[in-house]
């Protein structure tokens, strides 16, 4: 994936608590090949009325080009379906801001270049109120773990390893390979000090 350190995009409030992965993408759509894109299934049932028509009351149906969601508490809870992240990414979402996230969802998000920005509840409420009706331009800086929306600024929590993965576009293997020099030096030292512990090569 492509790494990134800053993003400026259209942010919209989705002030609903406990949106789980089954709501993010219902299970019946997961048989669709990823190559066809999952974006059209994002929050499929929440966005539609009883007649399967897009509801004008749902925030994402009223605005296009949104790349940042300011969500409610416990976003991405539920089952461990990576397709929930695929749906967000394929719909153009680069970051979700919330007070808390499902653990597995957050890990899947990082592995797909999506930022799960954990911000304290008071700041989340401020941000939601600022873009409750009309999207606003929000800036994200991964180098400083900072968000800016107009005059509102907030810091977010992010594991250092996760931050490196997002900025560099790394996966878990890349994260380990940054230590290749130290790994090689340790291996060379161990082969000399404990040669009996290493497998012998066939003749």
N, C-alpha and C. Protein backbone atom coordinates (compact mmCIF):
# COMPACT_ATOMS: atom_id res chain seq x y z
N UNK A 1 0.84 -1.19 0.00
CA UNK A 1 0.00 0.00 0.00
C UNK A 1 0.88 1.24 0.00
N UNK A 2 0.31 2.36 -0.38
CA UNK A 2 1.04 3.63 -0.43
C UNK A 2 0.99 4.31 0.93
N UNK A 3 2.13 4.75 1.39
CA UNK A 3 2.17 5.42 2.67
C UNK A 3 1.73 6.87 2.57
N UNK A 4 1.40 7.46 3.71
CA UNK A 4 1.03 8.87 3.75
C UNK A 4 1.32 9.43 5.13
N UNK A 5 1.62 10.72 5.19
CA UNK A 5 1.91 11.36 6.48
C UNK A 5 0.95 12.51 6.77
N UNK A 6 0.36 13.08 5.73
CA UNK A 6 -0.63 14.13 5.93
C UNK A 6 -1.80 13.88 5.00
N UNK A 7 -2.95 14.34 5.45
CA UNK A 7 -4.16 14.24 4.62
C UNK A 7 -5.07 15.40 4.96
N UNK A 8 -5.60 16.04 3.92
CA UNK A 8 -6.58 17.10 4.10
C UNK A 8 -7.81 16.69 3.30
N UNK A 9 -8.93 16.55 3.99
CA UNK A 9 -10.11 16.06 3.28
C UNK A 9 -11.40 16.51 3.93
N UNK A 10 -12.48 16.15 3.29
CA UNK A 10 -13.82 16.51 3.74
C UNK A 10 -14.25 15.58 4.87
N UNK A 11 -14.58 16.16 6.03
CA UNK A 11 -14.96 15.38 7.21
C UNK A 11 -16.44 15.55 7.49
N UNK A 12 -17.07 14.46 7.91
CA UNK A 12 -18.50 14.47 8.19
C UNK A 12 -18.76 13.69 9.47
N UNK A 13 -19.72 14.17 10.26
CA UNK A 13 -20.08 13.47 11.50
C UNK A 13 -20.97 12.28 11.21
N UNK A 14 -20.64 11.17 11.84
CA UNK A 14 -21.49 9.98 11.85
C UNK A 14 -21.65 9.61 13.32
N UNK A 15 -22.46 10.41 14.01
CA UNK A 15 -22.53 10.35 15.48
C UNK A 15 -23.43 9.21 15.95
N UNK A 16 -22.99 8.01 15.66
CA UNK A 16 -23.73 6.80 16.06
C UNK A 16 -22.76 5.90 16.82
N UNK A 17 -23.13 5.51 18.03
CA UNK A 17 -22.28 4.63 18.83
C UNK A 17 -22.43 3.18 18.37
N UNK A 18 -21.37 2.41 18.61
CA UNK A 18 -21.39 0.94 18.44
C UNK A 18 -21.70 0.49 17.02
N UNK A 19 -21.22 1.22 16.02
CA UNK A 19 -21.33 0.72 14.65
C UNK A 19 -20.38 -0.46 14.51
N UNK A 20 -20.93 -1.63 14.23
CA UNK A 20 -20.10 -2.83 14.19
C UNK A 20 -19.76 -3.23 12.74
N UNK A 21 -18.94 -4.25 12.62
CA UNK A 21 -18.46 -4.63 11.30
C UNK A 21 -19.57 -5.20 10.42
N UNK A 22 -20.60 -5.76 11.02
CA UNK A 22 -21.72 -6.27 10.23
C UNK A 22 -22.54 -5.13 9.67
N UNK A 23 -22.57 -4.02 10.35
CA UNK A 23 -23.23 -2.83 9.81
C UNK A 23 -22.37 -2.17 8.74
N UNK A 24 -21.07 -2.19 8.96
CA UNK A 24 -20.17 -1.58 7.96
C UNK A 24 -20.27 -2.30 6.62
N UNK A 25 -20.35 -3.63 6.65
CA UNK A 25 -20.64 -4.39 5.43
C UNK A 25 -21.38 -5.66 5.84
N UNK A 26 -22.66 -5.76 5.50
CA UNK A 26 -23.42 -6.96 5.83
C UNK A 26 -22.80 -8.21 5.20
N UNK A 27 -22.90 -9.32 5.90
CA UNK A 27 -22.22 -10.55 5.49
C UNK A 27 -22.63 -11.02 4.10
N UNK A 28 -23.84 -10.73 3.67
CA UNK A 28 -24.30 -11.24 2.38
C UNK A 28 -23.54 -10.66 1.19
N UNK A 29 -22.78 -9.60 1.40
CA UNK A 29 -22.04 -9.00 0.30
C UNK A 29 -20.58 -9.47 0.25
N UNK A 30 -20.17 -10.26 1.22
CA UNK A 30 -18.76 -10.62 1.30
C UNK A 30 -18.34 -11.68 0.30
N UNK A 31 -19.28 -12.25 -0.44
CA UNK A 31 -18.93 -13.20 -1.49
C UNK A 31 -18.55 -12.49 -2.78
N UNK A 32 -18.77 -11.18 -2.83
CA UNK A 32 -18.41 -10.39 -4.02
C UNK A 32 -16.89 -10.28 -4.09
N UNK A 33 -16.27 -10.50 -5.27
CA UNK A 33 -14.82 -10.36 -5.37
C UNK A 33 -14.36 -8.95 -4.99
N UNK A 34 -13.28 -8.85 -4.25
CA UNK A 34 -12.76 -7.55 -3.84
C UNK A 34 -12.45 -6.68 -5.05
N UNK A 35 -12.06 -7.31 -6.15
CA UNK A 35 -11.71 -6.55 -7.35
C UNK A 35 -12.86 -5.71 -7.87
N UNK A 36 -14.08 -6.07 -7.50
CA UNK A 36 -15.25 -5.31 -7.93
C UNK A 36 -15.52 -4.10 -7.03
N UNK A 37 -14.80 -4.03 -5.91
CA UNK A 37 -14.97 -2.91 -4.99
C UNK A 37 -16.10 -3.13 -4.01
N UNK A 38 -15.83 -2.76 -2.75
CA UNK A 38 -16.81 -2.92 -1.68
C UNK A 38 -17.45 -1.60 -1.26
N UNK A 39 -17.02 -0.52 -1.86
CA UNK A 39 -17.48 0.79 -1.43
C UNK A 39 -18.98 0.97 -1.48
N UNK A 40 -19.63 0.38 -2.47
CA UNK A 40 -21.08 0.56 -2.59
C UNK A 40 -21.86 -0.18 -1.51
N UNK A 41 -21.19 -1.06 -0.78
CA UNK A 41 -21.86 -1.80 0.29
C UNK A 41 -21.64 -1.18 1.66
N UNK A 42 -20.86 -0.11 1.74
CA UNK A 42 -20.55 0.50 3.03
C UNK A 42 -21.84 0.96 3.73
N UNK A 43 -22.07 0.45 4.94
CA UNK A 43 -23.23 0.82 5.74
C UNK A 43 -24.53 0.64 4.95
N UNK A 44 -24.56 -0.40 4.13
CA UNK A 44 -25.64 -0.61 3.17
C UNK A 44 -27.02 -0.53 3.82
N UNK A 45 -27.25 -1.27 4.87
CA UNK A 45 -28.59 -1.32 5.46
C UNK A 45 -28.93 -0.07 6.25
N UNK A 46 -27.94 0.55 6.86
CA UNK A 46 -28.19 1.78 7.61
C UNK A 46 -28.54 2.94 6.68
N UNK A 47 -28.04 2.90 5.46
CA UNK A 47 -28.23 4.01 4.52
C UNK A 47 -29.53 3.91 3.74
N UNK A 48 -30.27 2.82 3.90
CA UNK A 48 -31.46 2.59 3.09
C UNK A 48 -32.71 2.46 3.95
N UNK A 49 -33.85 2.82 3.33
CA UNK A 49 -35.12 2.69 4.02
C UNK A 49 -35.71 1.30 3.77
N UNK A 50 -36.94 1.10 4.19
CA UNK A 50 -37.57 -0.22 4.06
C UNK A 50 -37.77 -0.63 2.61
N UNK A 51 -37.75 0.33 1.70
CA UNK A 51 -37.92 0.04 0.27
C UNK A 51 -36.59 -0.08 -0.46
N UNK A 52 -35.49 -0.17 0.32
CA UNK A 52 -34.14 -0.32 -0.23
C UNK A 52 -33.68 0.92 -1.00
N UNK A 53 -34.30 2.06 -0.74
CA UNK A 53 -33.89 3.32 -1.35
C UNK A 53 -33.00 4.09 -0.39
N UNK A 54 -32.01 4.80 -0.94
CA UNK A 54 -31.12 5.59 -0.09
C UNK A 54 -31.93 6.64 0.66
N UNK A 55 -31.73 6.69 1.96
CA UNK A 55 -32.46 7.62 2.80
C UNK A 55 -31.77 8.98 2.83
N UNK A 56 -32.56 10.02 2.58
CA UNK A 56 -32.02 11.38 2.60
C UNK A 56 -31.63 11.81 4.01
N UNK A 57 -32.07 11.07 5.01
CA UNK A 57 -31.76 11.41 6.39
C UNK A 57 -30.36 10.97 6.80
N UNK A 58 -29.79 10.03 6.05
CA UNK A 58 -28.49 9.49 6.46
C UNK A 58 -27.38 10.42 5.95
N UNK A 59 -26.44 10.84 6.83
CA UNK A 59 -25.44 11.85 6.47
C UNK A 59 -24.64 11.54 5.20
N UNK A 60 -24.17 10.31 5.06
CA UNK A 60 -23.33 9.99 3.90
C UNK A 60 -24.10 10.03 2.59
N UNK A 61 -25.42 9.94 2.64
CA UNK A 61 -26.22 9.99 1.42
C UNK A 61 -26.42 11.42 0.93
N UNK A 62 -26.16 12.40 1.78
CA UNK A 62 -26.39 13.79 1.41
C UNK A 62 -25.15 14.48 0.87
N UNK A 63 -23.99 13.85 1.06
CA UNK A 63 -22.75 14.54 0.70
C UNK A 63 -21.79 13.57 -0.01
N UNK A 64 -21.12 14.06 -1.02
CA UNK A 64 -20.14 13.27 -1.76
C UNK A 64 -18.73 13.72 -1.42
N UNK A 65 -17.77 12.85 -1.70
CA UNK A 65 -16.37 13.21 -1.53
C UNK A 65 -15.87 13.21 -0.10
N UNK A 66 -16.63 12.63 0.82
CA UNK A 66 -16.18 12.57 2.22
C UNK A 66 -15.04 11.57 2.35
N UNK A 67 -13.96 11.96 3.01
CA UNK A 67 -12.82 11.04 3.21
C UNK A 67 -12.50 10.81 4.68
N UNK A 68 -13.20 11.52 5.57
CA UNK A 68 -12.96 11.38 7.01
C UNK A 68 -14.30 11.29 7.71
N UNK A 69 -14.47 10.28 8.55
CA UNK A 69 -15.68 10.14 9.35
C UNK A 69 -15.37 10.45 10.80
N UNK A 70 -16.22 11.24 11.44
CA UNK A 70 -16.10 11.50 12.87
C UNK A 70 -17.22 10.71 13.53
N UNK A 71 -16.86 9.56 14.06
CA UNK A 71 -17.84 8.55 14.46
C UNK A 71 -18.10 8.56 15.96
N UNK A 72 -19.02 7.68 16.37
CA UNK A 72 -19.36 7.54 17.77
C UNK A 72 -18.46 6.56 18.49
N UNK A 73 -18.82 6.25 19.71
CA UNK A 73 -18.05 5.37 20.58
C UNK A 73 -18.05 3.93 20.04
N UNK A 74 -16.92 3.24 20.24
CA UNK A 74 -16.82 1.80 19.95
C UNK A 74 -17.05 1.48 18.48
N UNK A 75 -16.41 2.23 17.62
CA UNK A 75 -16.56 2.02 16.18
C UNK A 75 -15.81 0.76 15.73
N UNK A 76 -16.46 -0.04 14.90
CA UNK A 76 -15.81 -1.23 14.35
C UNK A 76 -15.77 -2.41 15.29
N UNK A 77 -16.68 -2.47 16.24
CA UNK A 77 -16.76 -3.63 17.13
C UNK A 77 -17.37 -4.80 16.37
N UNK A 78 -17.47 -5.94 17.04
CA UNK A 78 -18.11 -7.09 16.40
C UNK A 78 -17.12 -8.06 15.80
N UNK A 79 -17.56 -8.75 14.76
CA UNK A 79 -16.76 -9.83 14.17
C UNK A 79 -15.50 -9.31 13.48
N UNK A 80 -14.56 -10.21 13.30
CA UNK A 80 -13.24 -9.83 12.77
C UNK A 80 -13.24 -9.91 11.25
N UNK A 81 -14.08 -9.11 10.60
CA UNK A 81 -14.12 -9.15 9.13
C UNK A 81 -13.36 -7.97 8.54
N UNK A 82 -12.28 -8.30 7.87
CA UNK A 82 -11.45 -7.26 7.24
C UNK A 82 -12.22 -6.55 6.14
N UNK A 83 -13.26 -7.19 5.61
CA UNK A 83 -14.07 -6.58 4.56
C UNK A 83 -14.70 -5.28 5.03
N UNK A 84 -14.90 -5.12 6.34
CA UNK A 84 -15.44 -3.86 6.85
C UNK A 84 -14.50 -2.70 6.54
N UNK A 85 -13.20 -2.95 6.67
CA UNK A 85 -12.21 -1.94 6.32
C UNK A 85 -12.16 -1.75 4.81
N UNK A 86 -12.24 -2.85 4.05
CA UNK A 86 -12.26 -2.74 2.59
C UNK A 86 -13.38 -1.80 2.14
N UNK A 87 -14.56 -1.94 2.76
CA UNK A 87 -15.70 -1.13 2.36
C UNK A 87 -15.42 0.35 2.59
N UNK A 88 -14.82 0.68 3.73
CA UNK A 88 -14.46 2.07 4.01
C UNK A 88 -13.43 2.59 3.02
N UNK A 89 -12.36 1.84 2.83
CA UNK A 89 -11.28 2.27 1.94
C UNK A 89 -11.79 2.40 0.50
N UNK A 90 -12.57 1.44 0.04
CA UNK A 90 -13.08 1.48 -1.33
C UNK A 90 -14.07 2.62 -1.53
N UNK A 91 -14.66 3.11 -0.44
CA UNK A 91 -15.58 4.25 -0.53
C UNK A 91 -14.83 5.58 -0.42
N UNK A 92 -13.50 5.52 -0.30
CA UNK A 92 -12.71 6.74 -0.26
C UNK A 92 -12.41 7.27 1.12
N UNK A 93 -12.72 6.51 2.16
CA UNK A 93 -12.46 6.95 3.53
C UNK A 93 -11.00 6.68 3.89
N UNK A 94 -10.31 7.73 4.34
CA UNK A 94 -8.90 7.61 4.71
C UNK A 94 -8.69 7.56 6.22
N UNK A 95 -9.67 8.06 6.97
CA UNK A 95 -9.52 8.09 8.43
C UNK A 95 -10.89 8.06 9.09
N UNK A 96 -10.93 7.42 10.26
CA UNK A 96 -12.11 7.45 11.11
C UNK A 96 -11.65 7.98 12.47
N UNK A 97 -12.35 8.99 12.97
CA UNK A 97 -12.04 9.59 14.26
C UNK A 97 -13.12 9.15 15.24
N UNK A 98 -12.71 8.61 16.37
CA UNK A 98 -13.67 8.15 17.37
C UNK A 98 -13.00 8.09 18.73
N UNK A 99 -13.82 7.96 19.76
CA UNK A 99 -13.30 7.85 21.11
C UNK A 99 -12.70 6.46 21.38
N UNK A 100 -13.24 5.44 20.70
CA UNK A 100 -12.71 4.08 20.86
C UNK A 100 -13.09 3.23 19.66
N UNK A 101 -12.30 2.16 19.46
CA UNK A 101 -12.47 1.28 18.32
C UNK A 101 -12.44 -0.18 18.77
N UNK A 102 -13.06 -1.04 17.98
CA UNK A 102 -12.85 -2.46 18.15
C UNK A 102 -11.40 -2.78 17.86
N UNK A 103 -10.78 -3.61 18.70
CA UNK A 103 -9.33 -3.87 18.57
C UNK A 103 -8.97 -4.48 17.22
N UNK A 104 -9.70 -5.48 16.79
CA UNK A 104 -9.37 -6.15 15.53
C UNK A 104 -9.62 -5.22 14.36
N UNK A 105 -10.70 -4.45 14.43
CA UNK A 105 -10.97 -3.48 13.37
C UNK A 105 -9.80 -2.51 13.23
N UNK A 106 -9.30 -1.98 14.35
CA UNK A 106 -8.21 -1.01 14.30
C UNK A 106 -6.96 -1.61 13.66
N UNK A 107 -6.65 -2.85 14.01
CA UNK A 107 -5.49 -3.52 13.40
C UNK A 107 -5.68 -3.69 11.90
N UNK A 108 -6.86 -4.13 11.50
CA UNK A 108 -7.15 -4.29 10.07
C UNK A 108 -7.08 -2.95 9.35
N UNK A 109 -7.53 -1.90 10.01
CA UNK A 109 -7.50 -0.57 9.41
C UNK A 109 -6.07 -0.16 9.08
N UNK A 110 -5.18 -0.30 10.06
CA UNK A 110 -3.78 0.08 9.85
C UNK A 110 -3.18 -0.71 8.69
N UNK A 111 -3.47 -2.00 8.63
CA UNK A 111 -2.91 -2.85 7.58
C UNK A 111 -3.43 -2.52 6.20
N UNK A 112 -4.45 -1.67 6.13
CA UNK A 112 -4.99 -1.26 4.84
C UNK A 112 -4.89 0.25 4.61
N UNK A 113 -4.03 0.90 5.40
CA UNK A 113 -3.76 2.32 5.19
C UNK A 113 -4.81 3.26 5.72
N UNK A 114 -5.73 2.77 6.53
CA UNK A 114 -6.81 3.58 7.10
C UNK A 114 -6.47 3.95 8.53
N UNK A 115 -6.56 5.23 8.86
CA UNK A 115 -6.21 5.68 10.21
C UNK A 115 -7.40 5.57 11.15
N UNK A 116 -7.28 4.79 12.25
CA UNK A 116 -8.27 4.83 13.32
C UNK A 116 -7.76 5.80 14.40
N UNK A 117 -8.18 7.05 14.32
CA UNK A 117 -7.65 8.09 15.20
C UNK A 117 -8.46 8.13 16.49
N UNK A 118 -7.85 7.73 17.58
CA UNK A 118 -8.53 7.71 18.87
C UNK A 118 -8.35 9.05 19.57
N UNK A 119 -9.48 9.74 19.76
CA UNK A 119 -9.49 11.09 20.33
C UNK A 119 -10.40 11.09 21.55
N UNK A 120 -10.09 11.92 22.55
CA UNK A 120 -10.92 11.91 23.75
C UNK A 120 -12.34 12.36 23.43
N UNK A 121 -13.28 11.90 24.25
CA UNK A 121 -14.70 12.05 23.96
C UNK A 121 -15.13 13.50 23.81
N UNK A 122 -14.57 14.38 24.63
CA UNK A 122 -14.95 15.80 24.55
C UNK A 122 -14.59 16.40 23.19
N UNK A 123 -13.40 16.09 22.71
CA UNK A 123 -12.97 16.61 21.41
C UNK A 123 -13.77 15.99 20.27
N UNK A 124 -14.09 14.70 20.39
CA UNK A 124 -14.92 14.06 19.37
C UNK A 124 -16.25 14.78 19.25
N UNK A 125 -16.85 15.12 20.38
CA UNK A 125 -18.13 15.84 20.37
C UNK A 125 -17.99 17.20 19.71
N UNK A 126 -16.92 17.91 20.00
CA UNK A 126 -16.67 19.21 19.37
C UNK A 126 -16.57 19.06 17.85
N UNK A 127 -15.81 18.08 17.42
CA UNK A 127 -15.62 17.88 15.99
C UNK A 127 -16.94 17.49 15.32
N UNK A 128 -17.69 16.61 15.97
CA UNK A 128 -18.99 16.21 15.42
C UNK A 128 -19.92 17.39 15.26
N UNK A 129 -19.97 18.25 16.26
CA UNK A 129 -20.85 19.41 16.20
C UNK A 129 -20.46 20.37 15.09
N UNK A 130 -19.16 20.46 14.83
CA UNK A 130 -18.68 21.39 13.80
C UNK A 130 -19.06 20.94 12.40
N UNK A 131 -19.27 19.62 12.21
CA UNK A 131 -19.60 19.11 10.86
C UNK A 131 -20.86 18.26 10.91
N UNK A 132 -21.79 18.63 11.78
CA UNK A 132 -22.99 17.82 11.94
C UNK A 132 -23.93 17.92 10.75
N UNK A 133 -23.95 19.07 10.07
CA UNK A 133 -24.85 19.27 8.93
C UNK A 133 -24.12 19.35 7.60
N UNK A 134 -23.01 20.06 7.62
CA UNK A 134 -22.24 20.29 6.39
C UNK A 134 -20.80 19.83 6.61
N UNK A 135 -20.21 19.08 5.69
CA UNK A 135 -18.81 18.65 5.85
C UNK A 135 -17.86 19.83 5.98
N UNK A 136 -16.78 19.61 6.69
CA UNK A 136 -15.75 20.63 6.83
C UNK A 136 -14.40 20.06 6.47
N UNK A 137 -13.46 20.94 6.13
CA UNK A 137 -12.12 20.49 5.75
C UNK A 137 -11.29 20.22 7.01
N UNK A 138 -10.83 19.00 7.12
CA UNK A 138 -10.05 18.59 8.28
C UNK A 138 -8.67 18.13 7.83
N UNK A 139 -7.65 18.54 8.56
CA UNK A 139 -6.27 18.16 8.24
C UNK A 139 -5.75 17.17 9.27
N UNK A 140 -5.02 16.18 8.79
CA UNK A 140 -4.42 15.16 9.66
C UNK A 140 -2.91 15.17 9.44
N UNK A 141 -2.17 15.19 10.53
CA UNK A 141 -0.70 15.12 10.47
C UNK A 141 -0.24 13.94 11.31
N UNK A 142 0.22 12.90 10.65
CA UNK A 142 0.67 11.70 11.37
C UNK A 142 1.99 11.93 12.10
N UNK A 143 2.80 12.87 11.63
CA UNK A 143 4.09 13.10 12.28
C UNK A 143 3.91 13.74 13.65
N UNK A 144 2.81 14.44 13.85
CA UNK A 144 2.55 15.09 15.14
C UNK A 144 1.32 14.52 15.84
N UNK A 145 0.68 13.51 15.22
CA UNK A 145 -0.55 12.94 15.77
C UNK A 145 -1.58 14.04 16.07
N UNK A 146 -1.82 14.89 15.07
CA UNK A 146 -2.65 16.06 15.29
C UNK A 146 -3.73 16.19 14.20
N UNK A 147 -4.92 16.64 14.66
CA UNK A 147 -6.03 16.94 13.76
C UNK A 147 -6.35 18.42 13.86
N UNK A 148 -6.75 19.02 12.73
CA UNK A 148 -7.15 20.42 12.73
C UNK A 148 -8.40 20.58 11.89
N UNK A 149 -9.43 21.17 12.50
CA UNK A 149 -10.68 21.47 11.80
C UNK A 149 -11.07 22.89 12.18
N UNK A 150 -10.81 23.84 11.28
CA UNK A 150 -11.04 25.24 11.61
C UNK A 150 -10.18 25.63 12.80
N UNK A 151 -10.82 26.12 13.87
CA UNK A 151 -10.08 26.52 15.06
C UNK A 151 -9.95 25.39 16.08
N UNK A 152 -10.49 24.23 15.74
CA UNK A 152 -10.42 23.08 16.65
C UNK A 152 -9.18 22.25 16.33
N UNK A 153 -8.38 21.99 17.33
CA UNK A 153 -7.25 21.08 17.17
C UNK A 153 -7.37 19.97 18.21
N UNK A 154 -6.87 18.82 17.86
CA UNK A 154 -6.91 17.68 18.78
C UNK A 154 -5.75 16.76 18.47
N UNK A 155 -5.27 16.09 19.48
CA UNK A 155 -4.27 15.05 19.28
C UNK A 155 -4.96 13.70 19.35
N UNK A 156 -4.37 12.72 18.71
CA UNK A 156 -4.93 11.38 18.73
C UNK A 156 -3.87 10.37 19.15
N UNK A 157 -4.34 9.27 19.72
CA UNK A 157 -3.45 8.21 20.16
C UNK A 157 -3.18 7.26 19.00
N UNK A 158 -1.90 6.90 18.84
CA UNK A 158 -1.53 5.97 17.78
C UNK A 158 -0.24 5.26 18.17
N UNK A 159 -0.28 3.95 18.19
CA UNK A 159 0.91 3.15 18.47
C UNK A 159 2.03 3.53 17.50
N UNK A 160 3.25 3.61 18.00
CA UNK A 160 4.37 4.05 17.16
C UNK A 160 4.59 3.12 15.98
N UNK A 161 4.46 1.81 16.20
CA UNK A 161 4.60 0.87 15.08
C UNK A 161 3.52 1.09 14.03
N UNK A 162 2.31 1.37 14.48
CA UNK A 162 1.21 1.65 13.54
C UNK A 162 1.49 2.93 12.75
N UNK A 163 2.01 3.93 13.44
CA UNK A 163 2.32 5.20 12.77
C UNK A 163 3.36 4.98 11.66
N UNK A 164 4.39 4.19 11.95
CA UNK A 164 5.41 3.90 10.95
C UNK A 164 4.83 3.15 9.76
N UNK A 165 3.92 2.22 10.03
CA UNK A 165 3.30 1.45 8.96
C UNK A 165 2.49 2.36 8.04
N UNK A 166 1.74 3.28 8.61
CA UNK A 166 0.94 4.18 7.80
C UNK A 166 1.82 5.13 6.97
N UNK A 167 2.80 5.73 7.61
CA UNK A 167 3.65 6.71 6.92
C UNK A 167 4.45 6.06 5.80
N UNK A 168 4.98 4.87 6.05
CA UNK A 168 5.84 4.22 5.07
C UNK A 168 5.12 3.25 4.14
N UNK A 169 3.84 3.00 4.41
CA UNK A 169 3.12 2.02 3.61
C UNK A 169 3.60 0.61 3.88
N UNK A 170 4.01 0.34 5.10
CA UNK A 170 4.59 -0.96 5.46
C UNK A 170 3.52 -1.95 5.92
N UNK A 171 3.85 -3.24 5.73
CA UNK A 171 3.10 -4.30 6.38
C UNK A 171 3.94 -4.81 7.55
N UNK A 172 3.51 -5.90 8.18
CA UNK A 172 4.24 -6.41 9.35
C UNK A 172 5.64 -6.89 9.00
N UNK A 173 5.82 -7.45 7.81
CA UNK A 173 7.15 -7.90 7.39
C UNK A 173 8.08 -6.72 7.22
N UNK A 174 7.58 -5.66 6.57
CA UNK A 174 8.40 -4.45 6.40
C UNK A 174 8.81 -3.88 7.75
N UNK A 175 7.89 -3.91 8.71
CA UNK A 175 8.17 -3.37 10.03
C UNK A 175 9.32 -4.13 10.68
N UNK A 176 9.37 -5.45 10.49
CA UNK A 176 10.46 -6.26 11.02
C UNK A 176 11.76 -6.02 10.26
N UNK A 177 11.67 -5.86 8.95
CA UNK A 177 12.87 -5.73 8.13
C UNK A 177 13.63 -4.42 8.36
N UNK A 178 13.00 -3.46 9.02
CA UNK A 178 13.75 -2.24 9.34
C UNK A 178 14.88 -2.53 10.32
N UNK A 179 14.80 -3.71 10.97
CA UNK A 179 15.83 -4.11 11.93
C UNK A 179 16.78 -5.16 11.34
N UNK A 180 16.85 -5.25 10.02
CA UNK A 180 17.66 -6.28 9.36
C UNK A 180 19.13 -6.25 9.80
N UNK A 181 19.69 -5.05 9.95
CA UNK A 181 21.10 -4.96 10.32
C UNK A 181 21.33 -5.57 11.70
N UNK A 182 20.46 -5.21 12.66
CA UNK A 182 20.60 -5.74 14.02
C UNK A 182 20.34 -7.24 14.04
N UNK A 183 19.39 -7.71 13.25
CA UNK A 183 19.10 -9.14 13.19
C UNK A 183 20.29 -9.91 12.64
N UNK A 184 20.89 -9.38 11.58
CA UNK A 184 22.06 -10.04 10.97
C UNK A 184 23.24 -10.07 11.93
N UNK A 185 23.45 -8.96 12.64
CA UNK A 185 24.57 -8.89 13.59
C UNK A 185 24.36 -9.90 14.72
N UNK A 186 23.15 -10.01 15.20
CA UNK A 186 22.85 -10.97 16.27
C UNK A 186 23.05 -12.40 15.78
N UNK A 187 22.61 -12.69 14.57
CA UNK A 187 22.77 -14.03 14.01
C UNK A 187 24.24 -14.39 13.88
N UNK A 188 25.03 -13.43 13.35
CA UNK A 188 26.47 -13.70 13.17
C UNK A 188 27.16 -13.95 14.51
N UNK A 189 26.77 -13.19 15.51
CA UNK A 189 27.38 -13.36 16.84
C UNK A 189 27.00 -14.72 17.42
N UNK A 190 25.74 -15.09 17.28
CA UNK A 190 25.28 -16.36 17.83
C UNK A 190 25.91 -17.57 17.13
N UNK A 191 26.14 -17.46 15.85
CA UNK A 191 26.76 -18.59 15.13
C UNK A 191 28.20 -18.82 15.61
N UNK A 192 28.84 -17.76 16.11
CA UNK A 192 30.20 -17.89 16.59
C UNK A 192 30.25 -18.36 18.05
N UNK A 193 29.33 -17.84 18.86
CA UNK A 193 29.37 -18.16 20.29
C UNK A 193 28.67 -19.48 20.64
N UNK A 194 27.71 -19.86 19.82
CA UNK A 194 26.98 -21.12 20.08
C UNK A 194 26.84 -21.91 18.78
N UNK A 195 27.96 -22.31 18.19
CA UNK A 195 27.88 -23.02 16.90
C UNK A 195 27.11 -24.34 17.00
N UNK A 196 27.08 -24.94 18.18
CA UNK A 196 26.38 -26.21 18.37
C UNK A 196 24.86 -26.07 18.24
N UNK A 197 24.37 -24.85 18.35
CA UNK A 197 22.92 -24.65 18.32
C UNK A 197 22.36 -24.50 16.91
N UNK A 198 23.26 -24.46 15.92
CA UNK A 198 22.82 -24.21 14.54
C UNK A 198 22.79 -25.52 13.75
N UNK A 199 21.83 -25.67 12.88
CA UNK A 199 21.76 -26.91 12.08
C UNK A 199 22.98 -27.02 11.17
N UNK A 200 23.42 -28.22 10.98
CA UNK A 200 24.55 -28.46 10.07
C UNK A 200 24.03 -28.57 8.65
N UNK A 201 24.85 -28.11 7.73
CA UNK A 201 24.49 -28.20 6.32
C UNK A 201 24.85 -29.58 5.79
N UNK A 202 24.01 -30.13 4.93
CA UNK A 202 24.34 -31.45 4.35
C UNK A 202 25.59 -31.35 3.49
N UNK A 203 26.34 -32.45 3.45
CA UNK A 203 27.55 -32.48 2.64
C UNK A 203 27.20 -32.41 1.16
